[in-house]
Amino acid sequence: MENGDGRTTSSSGDKDCVRVAVNIRPLITSELLVGCTDCITVVPGEPQVQIGSHTFTFDYVFGSGAMPCCRIFNESVSPLIDALFHGYNGTVLAYGQTGSGKTYTMGTNYNGEENSGSIIPRVMETIFSKVESMKDTVDFLVRVSFIEIFKEEVFDLLDPNPPSIKSDGPLAKPAIRVPIQIRETINGGITLAGVTEAEVRTKEEMASYLLRGSFSRATGSTNMNSQSSRSHAIFTISIEQKKNAQGAPGMDDSCYDILSSKLHLVDLAGSERAKRTGADGIRLQEGR
């Protein structure tokens, strides 16, 4: 985790700033029909998995006899939300091959109804629950941005003026998107010039921006997934906190410090070999 000024920090109770969890999803119908079987064994009572003669140790193991998947948020993500309200930056990212359940687990395709147990919907619910409980003494400004990295270029999924599809005769030409410029700040930080940061006041409003951006994300069909995410998607929640008159009585407004922090929720594209997806041409370029 990082604090608001970008310095990496770990509290005395934390052993590591980076923790790794593995989620073992159950076999799906198409896999069962062709005779696939589980190849991973969970070591009872330990955060370890065994594949053949090899054993791998993680901070957390979920699914397939380990902790249930519904505990992913409580065990590995909830502490980051608490740190967010203390001014620390955090990142949650899903990494794995196409079809392993990254988008489902993260909830990047959340539509307001389904996948309510996924990470991003739980994050939104928890954040606004905390905001509601602290609103009498703290003023909050919550903003979101949603970008994708596609074929080594960055695009704004919340662009208020998305490119329209041009029609030239009977054939429609695909819209050409303009990538965002990545720039370095005076302090040595990295900024995305012109990226949309939308202010949100409710969980429903935040979910609407997530849904809007998800519709704009690049997807395509491969041998491993009929609707594979072909880009890296980053949904960022920014929070600014400032104690109000009730939270710090007797002080002038100009004396109140603003506490800023960000949580990045990352859904990476598939990380498998191109041979397994059958990708070639444009699909192959997308996966690089």
Protein backbone atom coordinates (compact mmCIF):
# COMPACT_ATOMS: atom_id res chain seq x y z
CA MET A 1 0.00 0.00 0.00
CA GLU A 2 1.00 3.61 -0.52
CA ASN A 3 0.01 6.68 1.43
CA GLY A 4 -1.40 9.78 -0.25
CA ASP A 5 2.00 11.25 -1.15
CA GLY A 6 3.03 8.08 -2.96
CA ARG A 7 5.36 6.55 -0.36
CA THR A 8 5.05 2.83 0.19
CA THR A 9 4.08 2.11 3.78
CA SER A 10 3.19 -0.91 5.86
CA SER A 11 1.57 -0.83 9.26
CA SER A 12 3.19 -2.67 12.14
CA GLY A 13 0.56 -5.40 11.92
CA ASP A 14 1.17 -6.14 8.24
CA LYS A 15 3.85 -8.57 7.17
CA ASP A 16 3.86 -7.62 3.49
CA CYS A 17 2.65 -4.85 1.25
CA VAL A 18 1.80 -7.38 -1.48
CA ARG A 19 -0.35 -10.43 -0.84
CA VAL A 20 -1.35 -13.12 -3.29
CA ALA A 21 -4.56 -15.16 -3.29
CA VAL A 22 -5.49 -18.01 -5.63
CA ASN A 23 -9.12 -18.72 -6.46
CA ILE A 24 -9.86 -22.19 -7.86
CA ARG A 25 -13.06 -22.07 -9.85
CA PRO A 26 -15.17 -25.21 -10.41
CA LEU A 27 -15.23 -26.90 -13.79
CA ILE A 28 -17.85 -25.48 -16.15
CA THR A 29 -20.29 -27.51 -18.25
CA SER A 30 -18.26 -27.42 -21.47
CA GLU A 31 -15.22 -28.77 -19.60
CA LEU A 32 -17.18 -31.55 -17.94
CA LEU A 33 -18.68 -32.62 -21.27
CA VAL A 34 -15.22 -33.29 -22.74
CA GLY A 35 -14.09 -35.22 -19.68
CA CYS A 36 -11.97 -32.64 -17.88
CA THR A 37 -11.09 -33.35 -14.25
CA ASP A 38 -9.61 -31.28 -11.42
CA CYS A 39 -5.81 -31.22 -11.50
CA ILE A 40 -5.30 -29.09 -8.37
CA THR A 41 -5.34 -30.43 -4.82
CA VAL A 42 -5.70 -28.10 -1.83
CA VAL A 43 -3.48 -28.96 1.14
CA PRO A 44 -5.88 -29.25 4.14
CA GLY A 45 -5.44 -26.49 6.71
CA GLU A 46 -2.73 -24.70 4.71
CA PRO A 47 -2.79 -21.93 2.07
CA GLN A 48 -1.16 -24.33 -0.37
CA VAL A 49 -2.10 -26.09 -3.59
CA GLN A 50 -0.51 -29.13 -5.15
CA ILE A 51 -0.23 -29.80 -8.89
CA GLY A 52 1.37 -33.16 -9.53
CA SER A 53 4.56 -33.27 -7.48
CA HIS A 54 4.79 -29.49 -7.13
CA THR A 55 3.43 -27.53 -4.15
CA PHE A 56 2.75 -23.78 -4.23
CA THR A 57 2.13 -21.56 -1.19
CA PHE A 58 0.01 -18.39 -1.23
CA ASP A 59 -1.34 -15.96 1.35
CA TYR A 60 -4.88 -17.19 0.71
CA VAL A 61 -6.49 -20.11 -1.13
CA PHE A 62 -10.17 -20.05 -2.07
CA GLY A 63 -12.43 -22.67 -3.64
CA SER A 64 -12.11 -26.45 -4.16
CA GLY A 65 -12.09 -27.46 -0.51
CA ALA A 66 -10.30 -24.35 0.76
CA MET A 67 -12.02 -21.20 2.04
CA PRO A 68 -15.28 -20.55 0.11
CA CYS A 69 -15.07 -18.00 -2.71
CA CYS A 70 -17.54 -15.73 -0.91
CA ARG A 71 -14.77 -14.96 1.61
CA ILE A 72 -12.40 -13.45 -0.97
CA PHE A 73 -13.60 -9.94 -0.20
CA ASN A 74 -13.64 -10.26 3.59
CA GLU A 75 -10.22 -11.89 3.83
CA SER A 76 -8.14 -10.12 1.20
CA VAL A 77 -9.92 -6.93 0.05
CA SER A 78 -11.75 -5.53 3.08
CA PRO A 79 -8.48 -4.51 4.84
CA LEU A 80 -7.62 -2.35 1.83
CA ILE A 81 -10.92 -0.48 2.19
CA ASP A 82 -10.10 0.28 5.82
CA ALA A 83 -6.66 1.53 4.77
CA LEU A 84 -8.25 3.64 2.00
CA PHE A 85 -10.12 5.68 4.63
CA HIS A 86 -6.82 6.24 6.46
CA GLY A 87 -5.19 7.81 3.39
CA TYR A 88 -3.48 4.77 1.85
CA ASN A 89 -3.56 3.85 -1.83
CA GLY A 90 -4.25 0.25 -2.74
CA THR A 91 -4.59 -2.05 -5.75
CA VAL A 92 -6.51 -5.27 -6.32
CA LEU A 93 -5.74 -7.08 -9.57
CA ALA A 94 -6.95 -10.32 -11.10
CA TYR A 95 -4.40 -12.30 -13.10
CA GLY A 96 -4.90 -15.57 -14.94
CA GLN A 97 -5.59 -17.25 -18.24
CA THR A 98 -8.63 -16.65 -20.42
CA GLY A 99 -11.71 -18.31 -18.94
CA SER A 100 -10.34 -18.58 -15.41
CA GLY A 101 -13.01 -16.22 -14.03
CA LYS A 102 -11.11 -12.92 -13.62
CA THR A 103 -13.91 -10.64 -14.83
CA TYR A 104 -16.53 -12.60 -12.88
CA THR A 105 -14.48 -12.54 -9.66
CA MET A 106 -13.67 -8.83 -9.96
CA GLY A 107 -17.21 -7.93 -11.02
CA THR A 108 -16.05 -5.65 -13.84
CA ASN A 109 -19.16 -6.67 -15.79
CA TYR A 110 -21.47 -5.81 -12.86
CA ASN A 111 -24.89 -4.68 -14.11
CA GLY A 112 -26.44 -3.69 -10.79
CA GLU A 113 -28.16 -7.02 -10.19
CA GLU A 114 -26.00 -10.09 -10.83
CA ASN A 115 -22.57 -10.90 -9.37
CA SER A 116 -23.44 -9.04 -6.17
CA GLY A 117 -20.83 -11.17 -4.37
CA SER A 118 -18.00 -10.11 -6.69
CA ILE A 119 -15.25 -7.81 -5.49
CA ILE A 120 -16.15 -4.47 -7.10
CA PRO A 121 -19.85 -4.51 -6.03
CA ARG A 122 -18.77 -5.35 -2.47
CA VAL A 123 -16.18 -2.55 -2.58
CA MET A 124 -18.81 -0.02 -3.66
CA GLU A 125 -21.25 -1.15 -0.99
CA THR A 126 -18.61 -1.00 1.76
CA ILE A 127 -17.28 2.42 0.73
CA PHE A 128 -20.66 4.11 0.77
CA SER A 129 -21.60 2.38 4.01
CA LYS A 130 -18.51 3.92 5.60
CA VAL A 131 -19.23 7.32 4.02
CA GLU A 132 -22.76 7.23 5.44
CA SER A 133 -21.51 6.40 8.94
CA MET A 134 -18.93 9.24 8.90
CA LYS A 135 -20.85 11.96 7.05
CA ASP A 136 -21.73 13.91 10.21
CA THR A 137 -18.08 14.73 10.93
CA VAL A 138 -16.35 14.31 7.55
CA ASP A 139 -17.08 15.73 4.12
CA PHE A 140 -16.36 13.32 1.27
CA LEU A 141 -15.63 13.74 -2.42
CA VAL A 142 -15.77 10.41 -4.27
CA ARG A 143 -14.79 10.15 -7.93
CA VAL A 144 -14.30 7.28 -10.36
CA SER A 145 -12.38 6.75 -13.57
CA PHE A 146 -12.35 3.75 -15.88
CA ILE A 147 -9.63 3.11 -18.44
CA GLU A 148 -8.46 0.20 -20.57
CA ILE A 149 -5.04 -0.64 -21.94
CA PHE A 150 -5.60 -2.13 -25.38
CA LYS A 151 -2.78 -3.02 -27.78
CA GLU A 152 -0.35 -0.90 -25.73
CA GLU A 153 -2.55 2.22 -25.82
CA VAL A 154 -4.70 3.72 -23.04
CA PHE A 155 -8.36 4.58 -23.67
CA ASP A 156 -10.96 6.35 -21.52
CA LEU A 157 -13.98 4.07 -21.09
CA LEU A 158 -15.97 6.98 -19.60
CA ASP A 159 -15.27 9.38 -22.45
CA PRO A 160 -18.31 11.73 -22.53
CA ASN A 161 -17.85 12.15 -26.30
CA PRO A 162 -17.21 8.63 -27.62
CA PRO A 163 -16.43 8.33 -31.34
CA SER A 164 -19.43 7.52 -33.49
CA ILE A 165 -19.49 4.82 -36.14
CA LYS A 166 -19.24 6.36 -39.58
CA SER A 167 -21.48 4.96 -42.30
CA ASP A 168 -20.19 5.15 -45.85
CA GLY A 169 -22.74 3.55 -48.14
CA PRO A 170 -23.88 0.03 -47.18
CA LEU A 171 -20.81 -0.65 -45.02
CA ALA A 172 -20.22 0.98 -41.65
CA LYS A 173 -16.65 1.88 -40.75
CA PRO A 174 -15.51 1.06 -37.19
CA ALA A 175 -15.12 4.03 -34.86
CA ILE A 176 -11.56 5.26 -34.32
CA ARG A 177 -10.81 5.95 -30.67
CA VAL A 178 -8.24 8.52 -29.61
CA PRO A 179 -5.84 7.18 -26.95
CA ILE A 180 -5.08 9.11 -23.76
CA GLN A 181 -1.68 10.73 -23.42
CA ILE A 182 0.47 9.51 -20.53
CA ARG A 183 2.50 12.34 -19.00
CA GLU A 184 4.94 12.83 -16.17
CA THR A 185 4.19 15.45 -13.51
CA ILE A 186 6.66 17.93 -12.04
CA ASN A 187 6.96 15.73 -8.95
CA GLY A 188 7.90 12.71 -11.03
CA GLY A 189 4.48 11.07 -10.90
CA ILE A 190 2.46 9.73 -13.81
CA THR A 191 -0.82 11.27 -14.95
CA LEU A 192 -3.32 10.50 -17.70
CA ALA A 193 -4.08 13.73 -19.54
CA GLY A 194 -7.79 14.36 -19.96
CA VAL A 195 -9.10 11.16 -18.38
CA THR A 196 -12.69 11.44 -17.14
CA GLU A 197 -13.08 11.53 -13.34
CA ALA A 198 -16.78 11.47 -12.53
CA GLU A 199 -18.06 12.55 -9.13
CA VAL A 200 -20.44 10.03 -7.57
CA ARG A 201 -22.66 10.29 -4.49
CA THR A 202 -24.29 6.86 -4.30
CA LYS A 203 -23.44 3.22 -4.93
CA GLU A 204 -25.99 3.13 -7.74
CA GLU A 205 -24.38 6.10 -9.46
CA MET A 206 -20.95 4.48 -9.22
CA ALA A 207 -22.36 1.21 -10.60
CA SER A 208 -23.82 3.08 -13.58
CA TYR A 209 -20.35 4.32 -14.56
CA LEU A 210 -18.93 0.82 -14.17
CA LEU A 211 -21.64 -0.56 -16.44
CA ARG A 212 -21.17 2.21 -18.99
CA GLY A 213 -17.43 1.59 -19.17
CA SER A 214 -17.87 -2.19 -19.37
CA PHE A 215 -19.98 -1.81 -22.51
CA SER A 216 -17.12 0.09 -24.17
CA ARG A 217 -14.47 -2.47 -23.28
CA ALA A 218 -12.82 -4.53 -26.02
CA THR A 219 -13.87 -8.19 -26.05
CA GLY A 220 -13.51 -10.99 -28.59
CA SER A 221 -13.94 -14.71 -29.09
CA THR A 222 -11.10 -17.22 -28.65
CA ASN A 223 -10.88 -21.00 -28.39
CA MET A 224 -10.86 -20.65 -24.58
CA ASN A 225 -13.69 -18.15 -24.10
CA SER A 226 -16.58 -17.01 -26.31
CA GLN A 227 -16.37 -13.48 -24.85
CA SER A 228 -12.80 -12.91 -23.76
CA SER A 229 -11.57 -9.61 -22.34
CA ARG A 230 -8.90 -8.46 -24.79
CA SER A 231 -7.69 -5.49 -22.74
CA HIS A 232 -6.54 -4.60 -19.24
CA ALA A 233 -9.29 -2.65 -17.43
CA ILE A 234 -8.61 -0.37 -14.46
CA PHE A 235 -11.51 1.01 -12.41
CA THR A 236 -10.17 3.63 -9.98
CA ILE A 237 -12.03 5.03 -6.98
CA SER A 238 -10.63 8.29 -5.58
CA ILE A 239 -11.66 9.58 -2.17
CA GLU A 240 -10.98 12.98 -0.61
CA GLN A 241 -11.86 13.51 3.06
CA LYS A 242 -12.06 16.72 5.02
CA LYS A 243 -13.27 17.16 8.60
CA ASN A 244 -16.20 19.54 8.79
CA ALA A 245 -17.16 21.97 11.56
CA GLN A 246 -18.68 19.20 13.68
CA GLY A 247 -15.66 16.99 13.26
CA ALA A 248 -13.21 19.72 14.32
CA PRO A 249 -15.13 22.42 16.26
CA GLY A 250 -13.52 25.79 16.83
CA MET A 251 -11.18 25.58 13.80
CA ASP A 252 -11.33 27.66 10.65
CA ASP A 253 -12.15 25.77 7.43
CA SER A 254 -8.74 26.67 5.98
CA CYS A 255 -7.04 24.68 8.75
CA TYR A 256 -8.64 21.38 7.82
CA ASP A 257 -6.39 18.95 5.99
CA ILE A 258 -7.66 17.03 2.97
CA LEU A 259 -6.88 13.32 3.04
CA SER A 260 -6.66 11.80 -0.45
CA SER A 261 -6.41 8.16 -1.43
CA LYS A 262 -7.11 5.86 -4.38
CA LEU A 263 -8.11 2.25 -4.88
CA HIS A 264 -7.31 0.67 -8.26
CA LEU A 265 -9.37 -2.38 -9.25
CA VAL A 266 -7.67 -4.13 -12.16
CA ASP A 267 -9.06 -6.83 -14.44
CA LEU A 268 -6.15 -8.02 -16.59
CA ALA A 269 -6.46 -9.62 -20.02
CA GLY A 270 -5.78 -13.36 -20.33
CA SER A 271 -2.19 -14.42 -19.69
CA GLU A 272 -2.11 -17.78 -21.49
CA ARG A 273 -0.06 -18.90 -24.48
CA ALA A 274 -1.41 -17.87 -27.88
CA LYS A 275 -1.37 -21.54 -28.97
CA ARG A 276 -4.09 -22.41 -26.48
CA THR A 277 -6.46 -19.61 -27.55
CA GLY A 278 -5.95 -20.18 -31.26
CA ALA A 279 -5.41 -16.43 -31.62
CA ASP A 280 -3.81 -15.02 -34.74
CA GLY A 281 -3.74 -11.72 -36.60
CA ILE A 282 -5.48 -8.96 -34.63
CA ARG A 283 -6.46 -11.34 -31.79
CA LEU A 284 -2.79 -12.26 -31.36
CA GLN A 285 -1.77 -8.58 -31.18
CA GLU A 286 -4.45 -7.93 -28.55
CA GLY A 287 -3.06 -10.60 -26.25
CA ARG A 288 0.51 -9.33 -26.28
